[in-house]
């Protein structure tokens, strides 16, 4: 039984490690998308300002 317990424990540790990496990637991706949205909005504002002053 202890071999089975050890195997289950190792698989659970690997799963937790994968979940932690996915959480980190999710946060990084979300932050990147927020920055891209802010930059896109700034570009649209500048483009609108340029077009109005033509």
C-alpha atoms as a PDB file:
ATOM      1  CA  UNK A   1       0.000   0.000   0.000  1.00  0.00           C
ATOM      2  CA  UNK A   2       2.850   2.434   0.739  1.00  0.00           C
ATOM      3  CA  UNK A   3       4.099   2.259  -2.889  1.00  0.00           C
ATOM      4  CA  UNK A   4       0.637   3.250  -4.057  1.00  0.00           C
ATOM      5  CA  UNK A   5       0.487   6.078  -1.492  1.00  0.00           C
ATOM      6  CA  UNK A   6       3.910   7.328  -2.546  1.00  0.00           C
ATOM      7  CA  UNK A   7       2.892   7.231  -6.223  1.00  0.00           C
ATOM      8  CA  UNK A   8      -0.323   9.120  -5.508  1.00  0.00           C
ATOM      9  CA  UNK A   9       1.581  11.693  -3.433  1.00  0.00           C
ATOM     10  CA  UNK A  10       4.124  12.244  -6.249  1.00  0.00           C
ATOM     11  CA  UNK A  11       1.373  12.663  -8.833  1.00  0.00           C
ATOM     12  CA  UNK A  12      -0.426  15.115  -6.559  1.00  0.00           C
ATOM     13  CA  UNK A  13       2.784  17.138  -6.111  1.00  0.00           C
ATOM     14  CA  UNK A  14       3.295  17.237  -9.894  1.00  0.00           C
ATOM     15  CA  UNK A  15      -0.308  18.330 -10.368  1.00  0.00           C
ATOM     16  CA  UNK A  16       0.066  21.096  -7.781  1.00  0.00           C
ATOM     17  CA  UNK A  17       3.262  22.251  -9.496  1.00  0.00           C
ATOM     18  CA  UNK A  18       1.484  22.392 -12.849  1.00  0.00           C
ATOM     19  CA  UNK A  19      -1.429  24.291 -11.307  1.00  0.00           C
ATOM     20  CA  UNK A  20       0.967  26.827  -9.761  1.00  0.00           C
ATOM     21  CA  UNK A  21       2.667  27.398 -13.134  1.00  0.00           C
ATOM     22  CA  UNK A  22      -0.692  27.781 -14.872  1.00  0.00           C
ATOM     23  CA  UNK A  23      -1.784  30.320 -12.276  1.00  0.00           C
ATOM     24  CA  UNK A  24       1.422  32.279 -12.838  1.00  0.00           C
ATOM     25  CA  UNK A  25       0.944  32.178 -16.622  1.00  0.00           C
ATOM     26  CA  UNK A  26      -2.665  33.283 -16.219  1.00  0.00           C
ATOM     27  CA  UNK A  27      -1.647  36.325 -14.158  1.00  0.00           C
ATOM     28  CA  UNK A  28       1.112  37.224 -16.623  1.00  0.00           C
ATOM     29  CA  UNK A  29      -1.218  36.876 -19.596  1.00  0.00           C
ATOM     30  CA  UNK A  30      -3.943  38.923 -17.926  1.00  0.00           C
ATOM     31  CA  UNK A  31      -1.466  41.710 -17.102  1.00  0.00           C
ATOM     32  CA  UNK A  32      -0.161  41.670 -20.691  1.00  0.00           C
ATOM     33  CA  UNK A  33      -3.664  41.924 -22.105  1.00  0.00           C
ATOM     34  CA  UNK A  34      -4.465  44.835 -19.799  1.00  0.00           C
ATOM     35  CA  UNK A  35      -1.342  46.679 -20.984  1.00  0.00           C
ATOM     36  CA  UNK A  36      -2.167  45.961 -24.635  1.00  0.00           C
ATOM     37  CA  UNK A  37      -5.680  47.285 -24.086  1.00  0.00           C
ATOM     38  CA  UNK A  38      -4.335  50.472 -22.488  1.00  0.00           C
ATOM     39  CA  UNK A  39      -1.857  50.968 -25.337  1.00  0.00           C
ATOM     40  CA  UNK A  40      -4.531  50.332 -27.969  1.00  0.00           C
ATOM     41  CA  UNK A  41      -6.825  52.860 -26.299  1.00  0.00           C
ATOM     42  CA  UNK A  42      -3.996  55.433 -26.208  1.00  0.00           C
ATOM     43  CA  UNK A  43      -3.313  54.860 -29.902  1.00  0.00           C
ATOM     44  CA  UNK A  44      -6.995  55.321 -30.724  1.00  0.00           C
ATOM     45  CA  UNK A  45      -7.121  58.547 -28.715  1.00  0.00           C
ATOM     46  CA  UNK A  46      -4.029  59.899 -30.457  1.00  0.00           C
ATOM     47  CA  UNK A  47      -5.366  58.852 -33.847  1.00  0.00           C
ATOM     48  CA  UNK A  48      -8.682  60.537 -33.100  1.00  0.00           C
ATOM     49  CA  UNK A  49      -6.886  63.694 -31.961  1.00  0.00           C
ATOM     50  CA  UNK A  50      -4.798  63.701 -35.160  1.00  0.00           C
ATOM     51  CA  UNK A  51      -7.834  63.184 -37.407  1.00  0.00           C
ATOM     52  CA  UNK A  52      -9.865  65.942 -35.687  1.00  0.00           C
ATOM     53  CA  UNK A  53      -7.036  68.452 -36.152  1.00  0.00           C
ATOM     54  CA  UNK A  54      -6.635  67.772 -39.868  1.00  0.00           C
END
